Protein backbone atom coordinates (compact mmCIF):
# COMPACT_ATOMS: atom_id res chain seq x y z
CA MET A 1 97.67 98.05 38.91
CA LYS A 2 94.68 98.79 40.93
CA LYS A 3 94.86 98.18 44.58
CA ILE A 4 92.97 95.42 45.99
CA THR A 5 92.00 95.26 49.58
CA PHE A 6 91.05 92.42 51.94
CA SER A 7 89.20 92.38 55.30
CA ILE A 8 88.52 89.68 57.73
CA LEU A 9 84.66 89.08 57.96
CA PHE A 10 84.57 86.97 61.04
CA SER A 11 86.70 84.76 63.14
CA SER A 12 86.29 81.13 64.57
CA ILE A 13 88.54 78.15 65.32
CA ALA A 14 88.15 76.29 62.09
CA LEU A 15 88.81 73.31 59.91
CA PHE A 16 89.77 72.93 56.26
CA SER A 17 89.56 69.66 54.46
CA PHE A 18 91.91 69.48 51.57
CA ALA A 19 93.11 66.78 49.11
CA THR A 20 91.29 63.36 49.35
CA ASN A 21 92.42 59.71 49.50
CA SER A 22 95.51 59.70 47.37
CA TRP A 23 99.14 58.62 47.38
CA THR A 24 102.08 60.56 45.99
CA GLN A 25 105.66 59.15 45.42
CA LYS A 26 108.39 60.64 47.51
CA GLY A 27 112.10 60.30 47.47
CA ASP A 28 113.79 56.77 47.90
CA VAL A 29 115.03 55.43 51.11
CA GLY A 30 118.76 55.15 50.57
CA THR A 31 120.33 53.49 47.53
CA SER A 32 119.14 50.01 47.89
CA GLY A 33 115.86 48.35 48.95
CA ARG A 34 114.99 46.59 52.06
CA LYS A 35 112.21 44.66 53.81
CA ASN A 36 111.15 44.11 57.35
CA ALA A 37 112.70 47.24 58.47
CA VAL A 38 111.24 49.65 61.41
CA ALA A 39 109.78 52.99 61.28
CA PHE A 40 108.73 55.76 63.64
CA SER A 41 108.16 59.42 63.54
CA ILE A 42 109.21 62.31 65.84
CA GLY A 43 107.80 65.75 65.23
CA ASN A 44 107.67 66.52 61.72
CA LYS A 45 110.22 63.93 60.74
CA GLY A 46 110.02 60.22 59.89
CA TYR A 47 112.60 57.54 60.46
CA ILE A 48 113.43 54.05 58.76
CA ALA A 49 116.11 51.77 60.28
CA THR A 50 117.44 48.23 60.06
CA GLY A 51 115.95 45.43 57.58
CA SER A 52 117.22 42.82 55.25
CA ALA A 53 118.38 43.47 51.66
CA THR A 54 119.45 41.50 48.68
CA GLY A 55 121.51 38.48 49.26
CA GLY A 56 120.33 38.03 52.95
CA THR A 57 122.25 41.16 54.03
CA PHE A 58 121.19 42.50 57.36
CA LEU A 59 120.98 46.28 57.86
CA GLY A 60 121.97 48.71 60.69
CA ASP A 61 121.34 52.11 58.95
CA LEU A 62 119.05 54.83 59.88
CA TRP A 63 117.34 57.22 57.37
CA GLU A 64 115.46 60.54 58.24
CA TYR A 65 112.65 61.66 56.00
CA ASN A 66 112.16 65.62 55.65
CA GLN A 67 108.43 66.20 54.92
CA THR A 68 109.03 69.65 53.25
CA SER A 69 111.58 68.44 50.63
CA GLY A 70 110.45 64.84 50.42
CA ALA A 71 113.85 63.78 50.76
CA TRP A 72 115.66 60.99 52.97
CA THR A 73 119.09 61.74 54.77
CA GLN A 74 121.27 59.19 56.42
CA LYS A 75 121.95 59.54 60.13
CA ALA A 76 123.79 57.68 62.79
CA ASN A 77 123.87 53.95 62.30
CA PHE A 78 121.86 51.94 64.88
CA THR A 79 124.24 50.81 67.52
CA GLY A 80 122.97 47.20 68.02
CA THR A 81 123.77 44.53 65.62
CA ALA A 82 122.44 44.78 62.01
CA ARG A 83 119.20 42.98 62.00
CA PHE A 84 115.64 42.49 60.39
CA ALA A 85 112.09 42.04 61.85
CA ALA A 86 112.63 44.34 64.69
CA VAL A 87 110.15 46.83 66.08
CA GLY A 88 109.95 50.49 66.47
CA PHE A 89 108.13 53.28 68.17
CA ALA A 90 108.36 56.78 69.37
CA ILE A 91 107.46 58.40 72.46
CA GLY A 92 107.92 62.19 72.79
CA ASN A 93 111.23 63.44 71.30
CA TYR A 94 112.83 59.87 71.10
CA GLY A 95 112.64 56.75 68.96
CA TYR A 96 113.01 53.16 70.20
CA VAL A 97 114.08 50.14 68.35
CA GLY A 98 114.81 46.63 69.39
CA THR A 99 114.21 42.79 69.11
CA GLY A 100 114.55 41.18 65.73
CA SER A 101 116.99 38.77 64.33
CA ASP A 102 120.65 39.27 63.38
CA GLY A 103 120.82 36.04 61.55
CA SER A 104 122.71 34.29 64.51
CA ALA A 105 119.99 34.78 67.09
CA VAL A 106 116.73 36.22 67.64
CA LYS A 107 117.09 39.41 69.98
CA SER A 108 115.47 41.20 73.14
CA ASP A 109 117.79 44.14 73.26
CA PHE A 110 116.49 47.73 72.79
CA TYR A 111 117.92 51.15 72.02
CA LYS A 112 116.90 54.80 72.39
CA TYR A 113 117.45 57.37 69.47
CA ASP A 114 117.98 61.07 70.05
CA PRO A 115 117.48 63.03 66.88
CA GLY A 116 118.68 66.15 68.69
CA GLY A 117 122.07 64.58 69.34
CA ASN A 118 121.95 62.00 66.41
CA LEU A 119 122.92 59.56 69.24
CA TRP A 120 121.64 55.94 70.20
CA THR A 121 121.89 54.66 73.63
CA SER A 122 121.23 51.20 75.09
CA ILE A 123 118.21 50.77 77.28
CA THR A 124 116.70 47.97 79.12
CA SER A 125 116.08 44.81 77.28
CA LEU A 126 112.60 43.78 76.52
CA PRO A 127 111.54 40.89 79.20
CA GLY A 128 110.31 37.57 78.28
CA VAL A 129 112.08 35.49 75.38
CA PRO A 130 113.91 37.07 72.65
CA ARG A 131 111.94 37.48 69.51
CA ARG A 132 111.60 38.71 65.97
CA SER A 133 108.54 39.69 63.85
CA ALA A 134 106.87 41.17 66.92
CA CYS A 135 104.61 44.26 66.72
CA ALA A 136 104.66 47.61 68.50
CA PHE A 137 102.78 50.76 69.17
CA ALA A 138 102.99 53.68 71.59
CA THR A 139 100.49 56.01 73.23
CA ALA A 140 101.48 59.62 74.37
CA THR A 141 103.64 58.32 77.39
CA LYS A 142 104.32 54.53 76.99
CA GLY A 143 105.42 52.15 74.28
CA TYR A 144 104.12 48.44 73.81
CA VAL A 145 105.71 45.48 72.34
CA GLY A 146 104.34 41.86 71.96
CA THR A 147 103.48 38.91 70.02
CA GLY A 148 106.20 37.81 67.57
CA PHE A 149 108.30 34.57 66.98
CA ASN A 150 111.07 33.05 68.93
CA ASN A 151 112.34 30.96 66.22
CA SER A 152 110.08 27.96 67.39
CA THR A 153 107.01 29.24 68.91
CA PRO A 154 104.54 32.30 68.11
CA LEU A 155 103.89 34.38 71.11
CA THR A 156 100.92 36.26 72.87
CA ASP A 157 102.88 38.05 75.67
CA PHE A 158 102.85 42.09 75.75
CA TYR A 159 105.02 44.52 77.64
CA GLU A 160 104.76 48.23 78.48
CA TYR A 161 107.73 50.61 78.21
CA ASN A 162 107.99 53.45 80.65
CA PRO A 163 110.69 55.94 79.41
CA SER A 164 110.68 57.96 82.52
CA ASN A 165 112.31 55.10 84.50
CA ASN A 166 113.46 52.93 81.82
CA THR A 167 111.49 50.00 82.88
CA TRP A 168 109.22 47.36 81.19
CA THR A 169 106.15 45.84 82.78
CA ALA A 170 104.19 42.80 81.77
CA VAL A 171 100.69 43.97 80.73
CA ALA A 172 97.72 41.70 79.65
CA SER A 173 98.69 39.13 77.01
CA PHE A 174 97.19 39.59 73.52
CA THR A 175 93.88 37.76 73.60
CA GLY A 176 93.79 36.42 70.04
CA PRO A 177 95.87 33.39 68.92
CA ALA A 178 99.69 33.47 69.18
CA ARG A 179 101.04 34.90 66.16
CA TYR A 180 104.06 36.95 64.41
CA SER A 181 104.17 39.40 61.44
CA ALA A 182 101.16 41.29 62.55
CA VAL A 183 100.64 44.78 62.20
CA ALA A 184 100.08 47.44 64.97
CA ALA A 185 99.28 51.05 65.34
CA SER A 186 97.60 53.50 67.70
CA VAL A 187 95.18 56.33 67.98
CA ASN A 188 93.52 58.12 70.73
CA ASN A 189 95.75 56.54 73.21
CA LYS A 190 94.50 53.10 72.36
CA GLY A 191 96.65 50.30 70.45
CA TYR A 192 95.35 48.04 67.59
CA VAL A 193 96.84 44.74 66.52
CA GLY A 194 95.60 42.16 64.05
CA THR A 195 96.48 39.98 61.07
CA GLY A 196 99.56 37.79 61.01
CA LEU A 197 100.35 34.10 61.04
CA SER A 198 101.21 31.41 63.41
CA SER A 199 102.44 28.69 60.85
CA ALA A 200 102.92 28.19 57.27
CA SER A 201 99.32 27.49 56.82
CA THR A 202 97.56 29.34 59.54
CA PHE A 203 96.80 32.97 58.77
CA TYR A 204 94.84 35.73 60.50
CA LYS A 205 92.51 38.54 59.65
CA ASP A 206 91.22 39.30 63.15
CA TRP A 207 91.41 42.75 64.77
CA TYR A 208 91.87 43.72 68.47
CA GLU A 209 91.92 47.01 70.42
CA TYR A 210 94.15 47.55 73.73
CA ASP A 211 92.94 49.86 76.35
CA PRO A 212 95.91 50.79 78.62
CA THR A 213 93.59 52.37 81.17
CA GLY A 214 91.83 49.05 81.74
CA ASN A 215 94.77 46.75 80.57
CA SER A 216 92.32 44.90 78.44
CA TRP A 217 91.92 43.66 74.84
CA THR A 218 88.52 43.68 73.14
CA GLN A 219 88.09 41.99 69.67
CA LYS A 220 86.82 44.20 66.90
CA THR A 221 85.43 43.76 63.30
CA ASP A 222 88.10 41.79 61.10
CA PHE A 223 90.48 43.44 58.84
CA GLY A 224 88.53 44.45 55.71
CA GLY A 225 91.24 43.06 53.35
CA GLY A 226 91.05 39.53 54.57
CA PHE A 227 93.79 37.20 55.63
CA ARG A 228 97.12 39.00 55.66
CA PHE A 229 100.80 39.02 57.16
CA GLU A 230 103.72 41.02 56.74
CA GLY A 231 101.51 44.20 56.09
CA MET A 232 102.01 47.86 57.46
CA ALA A 233 99.69 50.15 59.30
CA PHE A 234 99.83 53.69 60.75
CA GLY A 235 97.36 55.83 62.71
CA LEU A 236 96.11 59.14 61.35
CA THR A 237 93.50 61.70 61.82
CA GLY A 238 91.66 59.40 64.63
CA LYS A 239 91.76 56.20 62.15
CA ILE A 240 94.09 53.31 61.46
CA PHE A 241 95.11 52.61 58.15
CA ALA A 242 96.46 49.12 57.18
CA GLY A 243 97.41 47.08 54.10
CA THR A 244 99.90 45.61 51.72
CA GLY A 245 101.43 42.33 52.68
CA TYR A 246 100.80 38.68 51.78
CA ASP A 247 97.23 37.07 51.82
CA ASN A 248 96.67 33.46 52.53
CA ALA A 249 97.18 32.54 48.89
CA SER A 250 100.83 34.02 48.81
CA THR A 251 99.61 37.08 46.88
CA GLN A 252 101.36 40.20 47.40
CA LYS A 253 98.81 42.98 48.05
CA VAL A 254 98.71 46.64 47.34
CA ASP A 255 95.36 47.70 49.06
CA CYS A 256 94.86 50.02 51.97
CA TRP A 257 91.98 49.86 54.45
CA GLU A 258 90.72 52.52 56.88
CA PHE A 259 89.66 51.41 60.40
CA ASP A 260 87.18 53.85 62.23
CA PRO A 261 87.35 52.72 65.89
CA SER A 262 84.21 54.85 66.80
CA ALA A 263 82.10 52.83 64.11
CA ASN A 264 84.10 49.67 64.33
CA SER A 265 84.02 49.32 60.55
CA TRP A 266 86.68 49.13 57.72
CA THR A 267 86.55 51.14 54.42
CA GLN A 268 88.75 50.51 51.47
CA ARG A 269 90.92 53.37 50.38
CA ALA A 270 93.24 54.21 47.43
CA ASP A 271 95.79 51.36 46.75
CA VAL A 272 99.24 52.06 47.88
CA ALA A 273 101.67 53.28 45.37
CA LEU A 274 99.14 53.91 42.66
CA ASN A 275 98.50 49.86 42.36
CA THR A 276 102.05 49.68 40.76
CA TYR A 277 104.17 48.27 43.46
CA ARG A 278 102.71 45.30 45.39
CA ARG A 279 104.67 44.35 48.45
CA ASN A 280 105.26 42.66 51.68
CA GLY A 281 107.43 43.71 54.48
CA ALA A 282 106.87 47.32 54.05
CA VAL A 283 106.71 49.77 56.90
CA GLY A 284 104.01 52.58 57.86
CA PHE A 285 104.32 55.82 59.93
CA SER A 286 102.38 59.21 60.04
CA ILE A 287 103.63 62.82 60.28
CA GLY A 288 100.99 65.36 61.02
CA SER A 289 98.11 64.94 58.47
CA TYR A 290 99.83 62.50 56.26
CA GLY A 291 100.55 58.60 56.25
CA TYR A 292 103.48 57.11 54.78
CA CYS A 293 104.31 53.54 53.17
CA ALA A 294 107.83 52.74 52.23
CA THR A 295 110.18 49.85 51.31
CA GLY A 296 109.42 46.19 51.28
CA ILE A 297 109.76 43.62 48.53
CA GLY A 298 107.74 43.21 45.48
CA PRO A 299 107.57 40.71 42.47
CA SER A 300 110.74 42.36 41.08
CA GLY A 301 112.78 42.45 44.13
CA TYR A 302 113.53 44.71 47.35
CA LEU A 303 112.06 48.13 47.17
CA LYS A 304 113.45 51.66 48.28
CA ASP A 305 110.38 53.93 47.50
CA SER A 306 108.41 56.03 49.79
CA TRP A 307 104.76 57.13 49.24
CA GLU A 308 102.79 59.72 51.03
CA TYR A 309 98.93 59.33 51.56
CA THR A 310 96.55 62.21 51.96
CA PRO A 311 93.52 61.05 53.74
CA LEU A 312 89.89 61.72 52.92
CA VAL A 313 88.60 64.33 55.41
CA THR A 314 85.16 65.87 55.25
CA GLY A 315 84.97 69.51 56.64
CA VAL A 316 81.95 71.37 57.99
CA GLU A 317 78.85 70.88 55.77
CA GLU A 318 78.60 74.43 54.60
CA PHE A 319 82.03 74.19 53.23
CA VAL A 320 81.90 70.72 51.58
CA LEU A 321 82.64 71.51 47.76
CA LYS A 322 84.33 69.44 45.24
CA ASN A 323 87.46 71.76 44.65
CA GLY A 324 89.18 71.73 48.04
CA ASN A 325 86.28 73.01 50.28
CA VAL A 326 86.69 76.58 49.25
CA HIS A 327 83.65 78.63 48.76
CA VAL A 328 83.67 81.93 46.58
CA TYR A 329 80.37 83.85 46.59
CA PRO A 330 78.83 85.66 44.95
CA ASN A 331 80.33 84.46 41.55
CA PRO A 332 79.94 86.04 39.19
CA SER A 333 80.12 89.50 40.81
CA ASN A 334 80.35 93.22 40.30
CA GLY A 335 81.19 94.04 43.88
CA SER A 336 82.61 92.24 47.05
CA ILE A 337 83.56 88.63 46.81
CA THR A 338 83.93 86.70 49.74
CA LEU A 339 86.41 83.60 50.04
CA GLY A 340 85.14 81.13 52.53
CA TYR A 341 87.76 78.48 53.88
CA GLU A 342 88.66 76.38 56.91
CA LEU A 343 92.09 75.19 58.02
CA LEU A 344 92.75 72.06 59.98
CA LYS A 345 95.50 73.69 61.87
CA ASN A 346 97.61 76.75 61.73
CA VAL A 347 99.69 75.79 58.52
CA PRO A 348 101.05 77.90 55.81
CA ALA A 349 98.12 78.64 53.30
CA THR A 350 98.08 81.12 50.44
CA PHE A 351 95.52 82.43 48.07
CA VAL A 352 96.83 83.73 44.60
CA LEU A 353 94.70 85.36 42.00
CA VAL A 354 95.84 85.80 38.39
CA ASP A 355 94.21 87.02 35.18
CA VAL A 356 93.81 84.81 32.00
CA PHE A 357 97.09 86.06 30.87
CA GLY A 358 98.90 84.47 33.95
CA LYS A 359 99.69 87.94 35.60
CA GLN A 360 99.31 87.87 39.20
CA VAL A 361 96.85 90.49 40.51
CA ALA A 362 96.74 89.32 44.17
CA SER A 363 98.30 87.09 46.72
CA PHE A 364 97.85 86.82 50.53
CA ALA A 365 98.12 84.40 53.35
CA LEU A 366 95.19 82.68 54.94
CA ASP A 367 94.90 82.69 58.70
CA ALA A 368 93.59 79.61 60.67
CA SER A 369 91.98 81.87 63.06
CA SER A 370 89.56 83.26 60.43
CA ARG A 371 87.58 81.45 57.95
CA SER A 372 86.74 83.97 55.38
CA VAL A 373 88.18 86.94 53.62
CA LYS A 374 86.83 89.60 51.55
CA LEU A 375 87.95 90.70 48.16
CA GLU A 376 86.87 94.05 46.91
CA ALA A 377 86.42 93.08 43.31
CA SER A 378 85.02 96.42 42.29
CA VAL A 379 88.65 97.56 41.75
CA LEU A 380 89.25 94.79 39.28
CA ASN A 381 88.50 95.12 35.45
CA GLY A 382 85.86 93.03 33.98
CA GLY A 383 86.78 89.66 32.87
CA THR A 384 87.71 86.21 34.11
CA TYR A 385 90.36 85.55 36.87
CA LEU A 386 91.91 82.24 38.16
CA TYR A 387 92.59 81.54 41.63
CA GLU A 388 94.55 78.71 43.48
CA VAL A 389 94.79 77.98 47.17
CA LYS A 390 97.82 76.35 48.58
CA VAL A 391 98.25 74.57 51.93
CA GLU A 392 101.86 73.53 52.96
CA GLN A 393 102.96 74.29 49.30
CA ARG A 394 100.27 71.86 47.93
CA THR A 395 97.63 73.09 45.52
CA VAL A 396 94.24 72.16 47.13
CA ALA A 397 91.74 74.21 45.33
CA THR A 398 91.58 76.13 41.98
CA GLY A 399 88.83 77.80 40.18
CA LYS A 400 87.42 80.74 38.19
CA ILE A 401 85.95 84.28 39.43
CA LEU A 402 84.00 86.11 36.88
CA ILE A 403 83.88 89.93 37.35
CA ILE A 404 81.03 91.60 35.56
CA LYS A 405 81.29 95.43 34.75
């Protein structure tokens, strides 16, 4: 085989927009379905714990998601009582789970999970009244829990958790109407809370931003999907994604909406689970550049499935192409060919070139510190070649290169 050489043309810190606005099914969470669980992520792992299952059974198990394999592995059981409608969040290398109902009482106790030691530790309980169906989010250094239901009254109070001294501090109460079964998520060190209900006939679609710096709430544009409760949400790529749940007509939903804080606007995105499994009581979380929705209850019962969302991300205008934002030029060619690309971060990326018979003629890694490489096509025989670009083992671009001799 003739030798093919590559050279770096120029360097810059770069971005790469790959795959767009799609959901992919991943492994099941355990062996049975659940709803009203909690979820959080630490590093490149996701976690789901607690919830309720068939027959009114309350759960206390914990499952860890491996993004590379798409599989879930059971970890140490939650050490509080088995429960549903609790809250969870993560700060740094630890996850935190608390509140909820164990069937005999609503709770205010809280626990810290250490994935390194696979251990749970009791921490200071949430102040205020015990509650279930509250909401929670976290910034880089603090956790926030508020709203919920104490089995008689919907709530508005909010509390900030400081892991450095294991203390809770009351912060500004939520300024919307009291509620429970709302959704919450955070991006850019701000929290977002919205939707939910306060009675069997009073539902909400409003949306609020919490700024920890000023300890203040600001109402934003209403959730794009309308009235909703028991939905899911996660923060990803500077945006909030929210959806699923029940609407005010008790219809289970499968939609997903993207909130852009800078524009204060909502845009509908691809339906969760390929519009197959409508659900409420699902959970959402994110890992790196991907979002996840899992579990819940649908028309046919409790669900254990999990789905990965790849967002729509646009790159630098020069590289906006339909096939994964990879630019090959000149094409056709009888000399050098340049492959232009941009990577969001330093992740494993590979370029593979094969002939029309499927024989590999070249394969090399793409470096995030560079945004183009040069292929000396003059050493190739004339004909058609097929290329594929993979990022984190995903095919993000394919195309043809024509060599003219």
